């Protein structure tokens, strides 16, 4: 825990993603929970931005472009973080993806 407080930069935290993904792929339940929680938090952030900017229209039914980039989304083998985020977002919104 002290390690994160010493330098809480995004890059330092993001550098752990491949390790967590590897552990989750090896069956580690804690690592899998970390990834699932992270996916849910990212999806909630996307939903908040979409609603705040009105990207889905007044009735929430309009489609909108969704672009996801970054090392965290690419730092996986079989555990597809981007796909999991899209799954959560798709439950509420129509969208277009340009990866």
PDB file of N, CA and C in Angstrom:
ATOM      1  N   UNK A   1       0.814  -1.185   0.000  1.00  0.00           N
ATOM      2  CA  UNK A   1       0.000   0.000   0.000  1.00  0.00           C
ATOM      3  C   UNK A   1       0.861   1.252   0.000  1.00  0.00           C
ATOM      4  N   UNK A   2       1.945   1.252   0.769  1.00  0.00           N
ATOM      5  CA  UNK A   2       2.806   2.435   0.808  1.00  0.00           C
ATOM      6  C   UNK A   2       3.422   2.707  -0.543  1.00  0.00           C
ATOM      7  N   UNK A   3       3.596   1.663  -1.333  1.00  0.00           N
ATOM      8  CA  UNK A   3       4.182   1.823  -2.651  1.00  0.00           C
ATOM      9  C   UNK A   3       3.349   2.775  -3.503  1.00  0.00           C
ATOM     10  N   UNK A   4       2.039   2.655  -3.463  1.00  0.00           N
ATOM     11  CA  UNK A   4       1.181   3.524  -4.264  1.00  0.00           C
ATOM     12  C   UNK A   4       1.167   4.954  -3.742  1.00  0.00           C
ATOM     13  N   UNK A   5       1.239   5.133  -2.452  1.00  0.00           N
ATOM     14  CA  UNK A   5       1.231   6.484  -1.892  1.00  0.00           C
ATOM     15  C   UNK A   5       2.547   7.215  -2.145  1.00  0.00           C
ATOM     16  N   UNK A   6       3.635   6.479  -2.306  1.00  0.00           N
ATOM     17  CA  UNK A   6       4.930   7.103  -2.562  1.00  0.00           C
ATOM     18  C   UNK A   6       4.935   7.846  -3.896  1.00  0.00           C
ATOM     19  N   UNK A   7       4.242   7.306  -4.885  1.00  0.00           N
ATOM     20  CA  UNK A   7       4.131   7.937  -6.209  1.00  0.00           C
ATOM     21  C   UNK A   7       2.846   7.431  -6.856  1.00  0.00           C
ATOM     22  N   UNK A   8       1.721   8.126  -6.631  1.00  0.00           N
ATOM     23  CA  UNK A   8       0.433   7.641  -7.129  1.00  0.00           C
ATOM     24  C   UNK A   8       0.155   8.003  -8.593  1.00  0.00           C
ATOM     25  N   UNK A   9       1.190   8.200  -9.403  1.00  0.00           N
ATOM     26  CA  UNK A   9       0.973   8.581 -10.802  1.00  0.00           C
ATOM     27  C   UNK A   9       0.271   7.451 -11.560  1.00  0.00           C
ATOM     28  N   UNK A  10      -0.479   7.852 -12.588  1.00  0.00           N
ATOM     29  CA  UNK A  10      -1.212   6.875 -13.398  1.00  0.00           C
ATOM     30  C   UNK A  10      -0.264   5.879 -14.049  1.00  0.00           C
ATOM     31  N   UNK A  11       0.859   6.375 -14.535  1.00  0.00           N
ATOM     32  CA  UNK A  11       1.798   5.494 -15.231  1.00  0.00           C
ATOM     33  C   UNK A  11       2.333   4.400 -14.305  1.00  0.00           C
ATOM     34  N   UNK A  12       2.597   4.757 -13.094  1.00  0.00           N
ATOM     35  CA  UNK A  12       3.127   3.772 -12.145  1.00  0.00           C
ATOM     36  C   UNK A  12       2.082   2.700 -11.827  1.00  0.00           C
ATOM     37  N   UNK A  13       0.861   3.132 -11.624  1.00  0.00           N
ATOM     38  CA  UNK A  13      -0.231   2.192 -11.336  1.00  0.00           C
ATOM     39  C   UNK A  13      -0.518   1.338 -12.576  1.00  0.00           C
ATOM     40  N   UNK A  14      -0.588   1.991 -13.747  1.00  0.00           N
ATOM     41  CA  UNK A  14      -0.893   1.268 -14.990  1.00  0.00           C
ATOM     42  C   UNK A  14       0.163   0.224 -15.315  1.00  0.00           C
ATOM     43  N   UNK A  15       1.388   0.441 -14.879  1.00  0.00           N
ATOM     44  CA  UNK A  15       2.456  -0.523 -15.137  1.00  0.00           C
ATOM     45  C   UNK A  15       2.185  -1.869 -14.465  1.00  0.00           C
ATOM     46  N   UNK A  16       1.299  -1.886 -13.482  1.00  0.00           N
ATOM     47  CA  UNK A  16       0.964  -3.134 -12.787  1.00  0.00           C
ATOM     48  C   UNK A  16      -0.086  -3.970 -13.532  1.00  0.00           C
ATOM     49  N   UNK A  17      -0.755  -3.370 -14.504  1.00  0.00           N
ATOM     50  CA  UNK A  17      -1.841  -4.078 -15.190  1.00  0.00           C
ATOM     51  C   UNK A  17      -1.383  -5.400 -15.788  1.00  0.00           C
ATOM     52  N   UNK A  18      -0.276  -5.460 -16.522  1.00  0.00           N
ATOM     53  CA  UNK A  18       0.124  -6.767 -17.071  1.00  0.00           C
ATOM     54  C   UNK A  18       0.343  -7.831 -15.994  1.00  0.00           C
ATOM     55  N   UNK A  19       0.846  -7.422 -14.850  1.00  0.00           N
ATOM     56  CA  UNK A  19       1.059  -8.369 -13.747  1.00  0.00           C
ATOM     57  C   UNK A  19      -0.277  -8.878 -13.218  1.00  0.00           C
ATOM     58  N   UNK A  20      -1.224  -7.961 -13.019  1.00  0.00           N
ATOM     59  CA  UNK A  20      -2.542  -8.340 -12.504  1.00  0.00           C
ATOM     60  C   UNK A  20      -3.261  -9.233 -13.516  1.00  0.00           C
ATOM     61  N   UNK A  21      -3.161  -8.875 -14.808  1.00  0.00           N
ATOM     62  CA  UNK A  21      -3.796  -9.692 -15.848  1.00  0.00           C
ATOM     63  C   UNK A  21      -3.194 -11.094 -15.863  1.00  0.00           C
ATOM     64  N   UNK A  22      -1.877 -11.188 -15.772  1.00  0.00           N
ATOM     65  CA  UNK A  22      -1.226 -12.508 -15.750  1.00  0.00           C
ATOM     66  C   UNK A  22      -1.691 -13.340 -14.566  1.00  0.00           C
ATOM     67  N   UNK A  23      -1.791 -12.700 -13.417  1.00  0.00           N
ATOM     68  CA  UNK A  23      -2.265 -13.413 -12.221  1.00  0.00           C
ATOM     69  C   UNK A  23      -3.715 -13.870 -12.390  1.00  0.00           C
ATOM     70  N   UNK A  24      -4.555 -12.997 -12.957  1.00  0.00           N
ATOM     71  CA  UNK A  24      -5.963 -13.358 -13.181  1.00  0.00           C
ATOM     72  C   UNK A  24      -6.063 -14.520 -14.154  1.00  0.00           C
ATOM     73  N   UNK A  25      -5.254 -14.488 -15.206  1.00  0.00           N
ATOM     74  CA  UNK A  25      -5.261 -15.580 -16.188  1.00  0.00           C
ATOM     75  C   UNK A  25      -4.797 -16.889 -15.579  1.00  0.00           C
ATOM     76  N   UNK A  26      -3.971 -16.799 -14.532  1.00  0.00           N
ATOM     77  CA  UNK A  26      -3.483 -17.996 -13.849  1.00  0.00           C
ATOM     78  C   UNK A  26      -4.460 -18.485 -12.787  1.00  0.00           C
ATOM     79  N   UNK A  27      -5.600 -17.774 -12.653  1.00  0.00           N
ATOM     80  CA  UNK A  27      -6.631 -18.229 -11.734  1.00  0.00           C
ATOM     81  C   UNK A  27      -6.681 -17.515 -10.397  1.00  0.00           C
ATOM     82  N   UNK A  28      -5.901 -16.461 -10.223  1.00  0.00           N
ATOM     83  CA  UNK A  28      -5.895 -15.728  -8.958  1.00  0.00           C
ATOM     84  C   UNK A  28      -7.208 -14.943  -8.807  1.00  0.00           C
ATOM     85  N   UNK A  29      -7.978 -15.277  -7.778  1.00  0.00           N
ATOM     86  CA  UNK A  29      -9.289 -14.660  -7.576  1.00  0.00           C
ATOM     87  C   UNK A  29      -9.199 -13.183  -7.226  1.00  0.00           C
ATOM     88  N   UNK A  30      -8.194 -12.797  -6.447  1.00  0.00           N
ATOM     89  CA  UNK A  30      -8.034 -11.386  -6.070  1.00  0.00           C
ATOM     90  C   UNK A  30      -7.714 -10.547  -7.309  1.00  0.00           C
ATOM     91  N   UNK A  31      -6.828 -11.028  -8.157  1.00  0.00           N
ATOM     92  CA  UNK A  31      -6.481 -10.313  -9.382  1.00  0.00           C
ATOM     93  C   UNK A  31      -7.698 -10.191 -10.295  1.00  0.00           C
ATOM     94  N   UNK A  32      -8.471 -11.250 -10.399  1.00  0.00           N
ATOM     95  CA  UNK A  32      -9.682 -11.225 -11.224  1.00  0.00           C
ATOM     96  C   UNK A  32     -10.678 -10.197 -10.681  1.00  0.00           C
ATOM     97  N   UNK A  33     -10.822 -10.128  -9.369  1.00  0.00           N
ATOM     98  CA  UNK A  33     -11.725  -9.148  -8.743  1.00  0.00           C
ATOM     99  C   UNK A  33     -11.236  -7.731  -9.001  1.00  0.00           C
ATOM    100  N   UNK A  34      -9.931  -7.515  -8.933  1.00  0.00           N
ATOM    101  CA  UNK A  34      -9.370  -6.189  -9.229  1.00  0.00           C
ATOM    102  C   UNK A  34      -9.725  -5.770 -10.648  1.00  0.00           C
ATOM    103  N   UNK A  35      -9.573  -6.682 -11.598  1.00  0.00           N
ATOM    104  CA  UNK A  35      -9.887  -6.369 -12.992  1.00  0.00           C
ATOM    105  C   UNK A  35     -11.380  -6.110 -13.186  1.00  0.00           C
ATOM    106  N   UNK A  36     -12.213  -6.942 -12.593  1.00  0.00           N
ATOM    107  CA  UNK A  36     -13.661  -6.738 -12.724  1.00  0.00           C
ATOM    108  C   UNK A  36     -14.099  -5.410 -12.119  1.00  0.00           C
ATOM    109  N   UNK A  37     -13.564  -5.081 -10.956  1.00  0.00           N
ATOM    110  CA  UNK A  37     -13.885  -3.797 -10.317  1.00  0.00           C
ATOM    111  C   UNK A  37     -13.414  -2.627 -11.181  1.00  0.00           C
ATOM    112  N   UNK A  38     -12.238  -2.759 -11.768  1.00  0.00           N
ATOM    113  CA  UNK A  38     -11.692  -1.708 -12.621  1.00  0.00           C
ATOM    114  C   UNK A  38     -12.543  -1.500 -13.870  1.00  0.00           C
ATOM    115  N   UNK A  39     -12.980  -2.593 -14.457  1.00  0.00           N
ATOM    116  CA  UNK A  39     -13.853  -2.522 -15.637  1.00  0.00           C
ATOM    117  C   UNK A  39     -15.152  -1.804 -15.276  1.00  0.00           C
ATOM    118  N   UNK A  40     -15.746  -2.165 -14.158  1.00  0.00           N
ATOM    119  CA  UNK A  40     -16.997  -1.526 -13.741  1.00  0.00           C
ATOM    120  C   UNK A  40     -16.800  -0.035 -13.489  1.00  0.00           C
ATOM    121  N   UNK A  41     -15.705   0.339 -12.856  1.00  0.00           N
ATOM    122  CA  UNK A  41     -15.426   1.754 -12.589  1.00  0.00           C
ATOM    123  C   UNK A  41     -15.208   2.536 -13.879  1.00  0.00           C
ATOM    124  N   UNK A  42     -14.471   1.953 -14.820  1.00  0.00           N
ATOM    125  CA  UNK A  42     -14.255   2.617 -16.100  1.00  0.00           C
ATOM    126  C   UNK A  42     -15.573   2.778 -16.854  1.00  0.00           C
ATOM    127  N   UNK A  43     -16.399   1.748 -16.842  1.00  0.00           N
ATOM    128  CA  UNK A  43     -17.701   1.822 -17.508  1.00  0.00           C
ATOM    129  C   UNK A  43     -18.585   2.882 -16.859  1.00  0.00           C
ATOM    130  N   UNK A  44     -18.562   2.979 -15.546  1.00  0.00           N
ATOM    131  CA  UNK A  44     -19.338   4.023 -14.856  1.00  0.00           C
ATOM    132  C   UNK A  44     -18.846   5.408 -15.231  1.00  0.00           C
ATOM    133  N   UNK A  45     -17.546   5.573 -15.383  1.00  0.00           N
ATOM    134  CA  UNK A  45     -16.995   6.868 -15.794  1.00  0.00           C
ATOM    135  C   UNK A  45     -17.456   7.230 -17.206  1.00  0.00           C
ATOM    136  N   UNK A  46     -17.414   6.265 -18.108  1.00  0.00           N
ATOM    137  CA  UNK A  46     -17.880   6.502 -19.479  1.00  0.00           C
ATOM    138  C   UNK A  46     -19.354   6.880 -19.466  1.00  0.00           C
ATOM    139  N   UNK A  47     -20.159   6.153 -18.718  1.00  0.00           N
ATOM    140  CA  UNK A  47     -21.596   6.452 -18.639  1.00  0.00           C
ATOM    141  C   UNK A  47     -21.834   7.864 -18.121  1.00  0.00           C
ATOM    142  N   UNK A  48     -21.087   8.281 -17.123  1.00  0.00           N
ATOM    143  CA  UNK A  48     -21.252   9.619 -16.555  1.00  0.00           C
ATOM    144  C   UNK A  48     -20.930  10.696 -17.588  1.00  0.00           C
ATOM    145  N   UNK A  49     -19.867  10.509 -18.351  1.00  0.00           N
ATOM    146  CA  UNK A  49     -19.492  11.479 -19.383  1.00  0.00           C
ATOM    147  C   UNK A  49     -20.548  11.519 -20.482  1.00  0.00           C
ATOM    148  N   UNK A  50     -21.001  10.355 -20.917  1.00  0.00           N
ATOM    149  CA  UNK A  50     -22.012  10.282 -21.973  1.00  0.00           C
ATOM    150  C   UNK A  50     -23.283  11.015 -21.546  1.00  0.00           C
ATOM    151  N   UNK A  51     -23.721  10.776 -20.341  1.00  0.00           N
ATOM    152  CA  UNK A  51     -24.936  11.433 -19.851  1.00  0.00           C
ATOM    153  C   UNK A  51     -24.728  12.929 -19.678  1.00  0.00           C
ATOM    154  N   UNK A  52     -23.595  13.309 -19.092  1.00  0.00           N
ATOM    155  CA  UNK A  52     -23.301  14.722 -18.835  1.00  0.00           C
ATOM    156  C   UNK A  52     -23.230  15.526 -20.126  1.00  0.00           C
ATOM    157  N   UNK A  53     -22.641  14.954 -21.166  1.00  0.00           N
ATOM    158  CA  UNK A  53     -22.509  15.650 -22.453  1.00  0.00           C
ATOM    159  C   UNK A  53     -23.709  15.446 -23.362  1.00  0.00           C
ATOM    160  N   UNK A  54     -24.654  14.632 -22.932  1.00  0.00           N
ATOM    161  CA  UNK A  54     -25.850  14.392 -23.733  1.00  0.00           C
ATOM    162  C   UNK A  54     -25.578  13.656 -25.026  1.00  0.00           C
ATOM    163  N   UNK A  55     -24.558  12.835 -25.047  1.00  0.00           N
ATOM    164  CA  UNK A  55     -24.196  12.120 -26.264  1.00  0.00           C
ATOM    165  C   UNK A  55     -25.241  11.106 -26.696  1.00  0.00           C
ATOM    166  N   UNK A  56     -26.052  10.664 -25.782  1.00  0.00           N
ATOM    167  CA  UNK A  56     -27.049   9.640 -26.102  1.00  0.00           C
ATOM    168  C   UNK A  56     -28.419  10.254 -26.380  1.00  0.00           C
ATOM    169  N   UNK A  57     -28.495  11.575 -26.468  1.00  0.00           N
ATOM    170  CA  UNK A  57     -29.759  12.242 -26.756  1.00  0.00           C
ATOM    171  C   UNK A  57     -30.624  12.377 -25.517  1.00  0.00           C
ATOM    172  N   UNK A  58     -31.696  13.120 -25.663  1.00  0.00           N
ATOM    173  CA  UNK A  58     -32.584  13.391 -24.531  1.00  0.00           C
ATOM    174  C   UNK A  58     -33.220  12.132 -23.961  1.00  0.00           C
ATOM    175  N   UNK A  59     -33.562  11.200 -24.844  1.00  0.00           N
ATOM    176  CA  UNK A  59     -34.200   9.962 -24.383  1.00  0.00           C
ATOM    177  C   UNK A  59     -33.183   8.853 -24.098  1.00  0.00           C
ATOM    178  N   UNK A  60     -31.915   9.127 -24.314  1.00  0.00           N
ATOM    179  CA  UNK A  60     -30.875   8.134 -24.048  1.00  0.00           C
ATOM    180  C   UNK A  60     -30.803   7.016 -25.058  1.00  0.00           C
ATOM    181  N   UNK A  61     -31.316   7.240 -26.270  1.00  0.00           N
ATOM    182  CA  UNK A  61     -31.369   6.174 -27.257  1.00  0.00           C
ATOM    183  C   UNK A  61     -30.480   6.427 -28.475  1.00  0.00           C
ATOM    184  N   UNK A  62     -29.882   7.606 -28.577  1.00  0.00           N
ATOM    185  CA  UNK A  62     -29.030   7.914 -29.721  1.00  0.00           C
ATOM    186  C   UNK A  62     -27.705   7.173 -29.603  1.00  0.00           C
ATOM    187  N   UNK A  63     -27.157   6.794 -30.748  1.00  0.00           N
ATOM    188  CA  UNK A  63     -25.830   6.173 -30.731  1.00  0.00           C
ATOM    189  C   UNK A  63     -24.776   7.280 -30.702  1.00  0.00           C
ATOM    190  N   UNK A  64     -23.584   6.928 -30.318  1.00  0.00           N
ATOM    191  CA  UNK A  64     -22.480   7.876 -30.231  1.00  0.00           C
ATOM    192  C   UNK A  64     -21.180   7.117 -30.445  1.00  0.00           C
ATOM    193  N   UNK A  65     -20.154   7.816 -30.927  1.00  0.00           N
ATOM    194  CA  UNK A  65     -18.870   7.132 -31.114  1.00  0.00           C
ATOM    195  C   UNK A  65     -18.184   6.893 -29.776  1.00  0.00           C
ATOM    196  N   UNK A  66     -17.513   5.784 -29.682  1.00  0.00           N
ATOM    197  CA  UNK A  66     -16.742   5.453 -28.492  1.00  0.00           C
ATOM    198  C   UNK A  66     -15.345   5.032 -28.937  1.00  0.00           C
ATOM    199  N   UNK A  67     -14.351   5.776 -28.509  1.00  0.00           N
ATOM    200  CA  UNK A  67     -12.970   5.483 -28.857  1.00  0.00           C
ATOM    201  C   UNK A  67     -12.234   5.145 -27.576  1.00  0.00           C
ATOM    202  N   UNK A  68     -11.622   3.989 -27.541  1.00  0.00           N
ATOM    203  CA  UNK A  68     -10.867   3.567 -26.360  1.00  0.00           C
ATOM    204  C   UNK A  68      -9.436   3.283 -26.794  1.00  0.00           C
ATOM    205  N   UNK A  69      -8.492   3.952 -26.148  1.00  0.00           N
ATOM    206  CA  UNK A  69      -7.079   3.754 -26.455  1.00  0.00           C
ATOM    207  C   UNK A  69      -6.296   3.677 -25.152  1.00  0.00           C
ATOM    208  N   UNK A  70      -5.107   3.164 -25.225  1.00  0.00           N
ATOM    209  CA  UNK A  70      -4.233   3.154 -24.057  1.00  0.00           C
ATOM    210  C   UNK A  70      -3.646   1.793 -23.793  1.00  0.00           C
ATOM    211  N   UNK A  71      -2.526   1.825 -23.100  1.00  0.00           N
ATOM    212  CA  UNK A  71      -1.804   0.600 -22.793  1.00  0.00           C
ATOM    213  C   UNK A  71      -2.576  -0.364 -21.926  1.00  0.00           C
ATOM    214  N   UNK A  72      -3.411   0.159 -21.035  1.00  0.00           N
ATOM    215  CA  UNK A  72      -4.187  -0.716 -20.157  1.00  0.00           C
ATOM    216  C   UNK A  72      -5.119  -1.599 -20.969  1.00  0.00           C
ATOM    217  N   UNK A  73      -5.666  -1.054 -22.045  1.00  0.00           N
ATOM    218  CA  UNK A  73      -6.574  -1.829 -22.890  1.00  0.00           C
ATOM    219  C   UNK A  73      -5.830  -2.865 -23.723  1.00  0.00           C
ATOM    220  N   UNK A  74      -4.548  -2.662 -23.910  1.00  0.00           N
ATOM    221  CA  UNK A  74      -3.754  -3.577 -24.727  1.00  0.00           C
ATOM    222  C   UNK A  74      -2.922  -4.542 -23.887  1.00  0.00           C
ATOM    223  N   UNK A  75      -2.937  -4.377 -22.588  1.00  0.00           N
ATOM    224  CA  UNK A  75      -2.036  -5.141 -21.717  1.00  0.00           C
ATOM    225  C   UNK A  75      -2.622  -6.484 -21.308  1.00  0.00           C
ATOM    226  N   UNK A  76      -3.335  -7.114 -22.199  1.00  0.00           N
ATOM    227  CA  UNK A  76      -3.964  -8.375 -21.830  1.00  0.00           C
ATOM    228  C   UNK A  76      -3.706  -9.430 -22.881  1.00  0.00           C
ATOM    229  N   UNK A  77      -3.955 -10.649 -22.512  1.00  0.00           N
ATOM    230  CA  UNK A  77      -3.854 -11.758 -23.452  1.00  0.00           C
ATOM    231  C   UNK A  77      -5.267 -12.263 -23.706  1.00  0.00           C
ATOM    232  N   UNK A  78      -5.785 -13.067 -22.830  1.00  0.00           N
ATOM    233  CA  UNK A  78      -7.152 -13.556 -22.994  1.00  0.00           C
ATOM    234  C   UNK A  78      -8.152 -12.724 -22.201  1.00  0.00           C
ATOM    235  N   UNK A  79      -7.686 -11.952 -21.238  1.00  0.00           N
ATOM    236  CA  UNK A  79      -8.562 -11.092 -20.424  1.00  0.00           C
ATOM    237  C   UNK A  79      -8.667  -9.756 -21.150  1.00  0.00           C
ATOM    238  N   UNK A  80      -9.742  -9.554 -21.915  1.00  0.00           N
ATOM    239  CA  UNK A  80      -9.900  -8.373 -22.770  1.00  0.00           C
ATOM    240  C   UNK A  80     -10.631  -7.263 -22.018  1.00  0.00           C
ATOM    241  N   UNK A  81      -9.871  -6.334 -21.450  1.00  0.00           N
ATOM    242  CA  UNK A  81     -10.428  -5.254 -20.640  1.00  0.00           C
ATOM    243  C   UNK A  81     -11.373  -4.386 -21.464  1.00  0.00           C
ATOM    244  N   UNK A  82     -10.955  -4.019 -22.675  1.00  0.00           N
ATOM    245  CA  UNK A  82     -11.801  -3.189 -23.539  1.00  0.00           C
ATOM    246  C   UNK A  82     -13.135  -3.844 -23.850  1.00  0.00           C
ATOM    247  N   UNK A  83     -13.094  -5.121 -24.155  1.00  0.00           N
ATOM    248  CA  UNK A  83     -14.322  -5.867 -24.463  1.00  0.00           C
ATOM    249  C   UNK A  83     -15.257  -5.899 -23.251  1.00  0.00           C
ATOM    250  N   UNK A  84     -14.691  -6.066 -22.071  1.00  0.00           N
ATOM    251  CA  UNK A  84     -15.510  -6.087 -20.852  1.00  0.00           C
ATOM    252  C   UNK A  84     -16.148  -4.722 -20.589  1.00  0.00           C
ATOM    253  N   UNK A  85     -15.404  -3.651 -20.824  1.00  0.00           N
ATOM    254  CA  UNK A  85     -15.965  -2.302 -20.656  1.00  0.00           C
ATOM    255  C   UNK A  85     -17.123  -2.103 -21.629  1.00  0.00           C
ATOM    256  N   UNK A  86     -16.924  -2.486 -22.877  1.00  0.00           N
ATOM    257  CA  UNK A  86     -17.972  -2.352 -23.894  1.00  0.00           C
ATOM    258  C   UNK A  86     -19.213  -3.147 -23.492  1.00  0.00           C
ATOM    259  N   UNK A  87     -19.015  -4.325 -22.930  1.00  0.00           N
ATOM    260  CA  UNK A  87     -20.154  -5.149 -22.487  1.00  0.00           C
ATOM    261  C   UNK A  87     -21.009  -4.398 -21.466  1.00  0.00           C
ATOM    262  N   UNK A  88     -20.352  -3.766 -20.487  1.00  0.00           N
ATOM    263  CA  UNK A  88     -21.084  -3.012 -19.468  1.00  0.00           C
ATOM    264  C   UNK A  88     -21.787  -1.795 -20.065  1.00  0.00           C
ATOM    265  N   UNK A  89     -21.098  -1.071 -20.948  1.00  0.00           N
ATOM    266  CA  UNK A  89     -21.675   0.127 -21.551  1.00  0.00           C
ATOM    267  C   UNK A  89     -22.860  -0.227 -22.446  1.00  0.00           C
ATOM    268  N   UNK A  90     -22.746  -1.344 -23.167  1.00  0.00           N
ATOM    269  CA  UNK A  90     -23.789  -1.761 -24.107  1.00  0.00           C
ATOM    270  C   UNK A  90     -25.119  -2.077 -23.426  1.00  0.00           C
ATOM    271  N   UNK A  91     -25.087  -2.370 -22.146  1.00  0.00           N
ATOM    272  CA  UNK A  91     -26.324  -2.663 -21.435  1.00  0.00           C
ATOM    273  C   UNK A  91     -27.229  -1.435 -21.344  1.00  0.00           C
ATOM    274  N   UNK A  92     -26.615  -0.245 -21.471  1.00  0.00           N
ATOM    275  CA  UNK A  92     -27.383   0.980 -21.297  1.00  0.00           C
ATOM    276  C   UNK A  92     -27.452   1.854 -22.543  1.00  0.00           C
ATOM    277  N   UNK A  93     -26.433   1.808 -23.383  1.00  0.00           N
ATOM    278  CA  UNK A  93     -26.350   2.729 -24.513  1.00  0.00           C
ATOM    279  C   UNK A  93     -26.160   2.014 -25.840  1.00  0.00           C
ATOM    280  N   UNK A  94     -26.561   2.707 -26.917  1.00  0.00           N
ATOM    281  CA  UNK A  94     -26.186   2.310 -28.277  1.00  0.00           C
ATOM    282  C   UNK A  94     -24.955   3.144 -28.584  1.00  0.00           C
ATOM    283  N   UNK A  95     -24.005   2.587 -29.302  1.00  0.00           N
ATOM    284  CA  UNK A  95     -22.787   3.335 -29.570  1.00  0.00           C
ATOM    285  C   UNK A  95     -22.092   2.786 -30.812  1.00  0.00           C
ATOM    286  N   UNK A  96     -21.130   3.524 -31.289  1.00  0.00           N
ATOM    287  CA  UNK A  96     -20.283   3.099 -32.399  1.00  0.00           C
ATOM    288  C   UNK A  96     -18.861   3.059 -31.878  1.00  0.00           C
ATOM    289  N   UNK A  97     -18.131   2.007 -32.151  1.00  0.00           N
ATOM    290  CA  UNK A  97     -16.761   1.893 -31.627  1.00  0.00           C
ATOM    291  C   UNK A  97     -15.755   2.059 -32.744  1.00  0.00           C
ATOM    292  N   UNK A  98     -14.763   2.889 -32.483  1.00  0.00           N
ATOM    293  CA  UNK A  98     -13.632   3.072 -33.396  1.00  0.00           C
ATOM    294  C   UNK A  98     -12.375   2.838 -32.582  1.00  0.00           C
ATOM    295  N   UNK A  99     -11.847   1.635 -32.563  1.00  0.00           N
ATOM    296  CA  UNK A  99     -10.650   1.327 -31.765  1.00  0.00           C
ATOM    297  C   UNK A  99      -9.411   1.657 -32.529  1.00  0.00           C
TER     298      UNK A  99
END
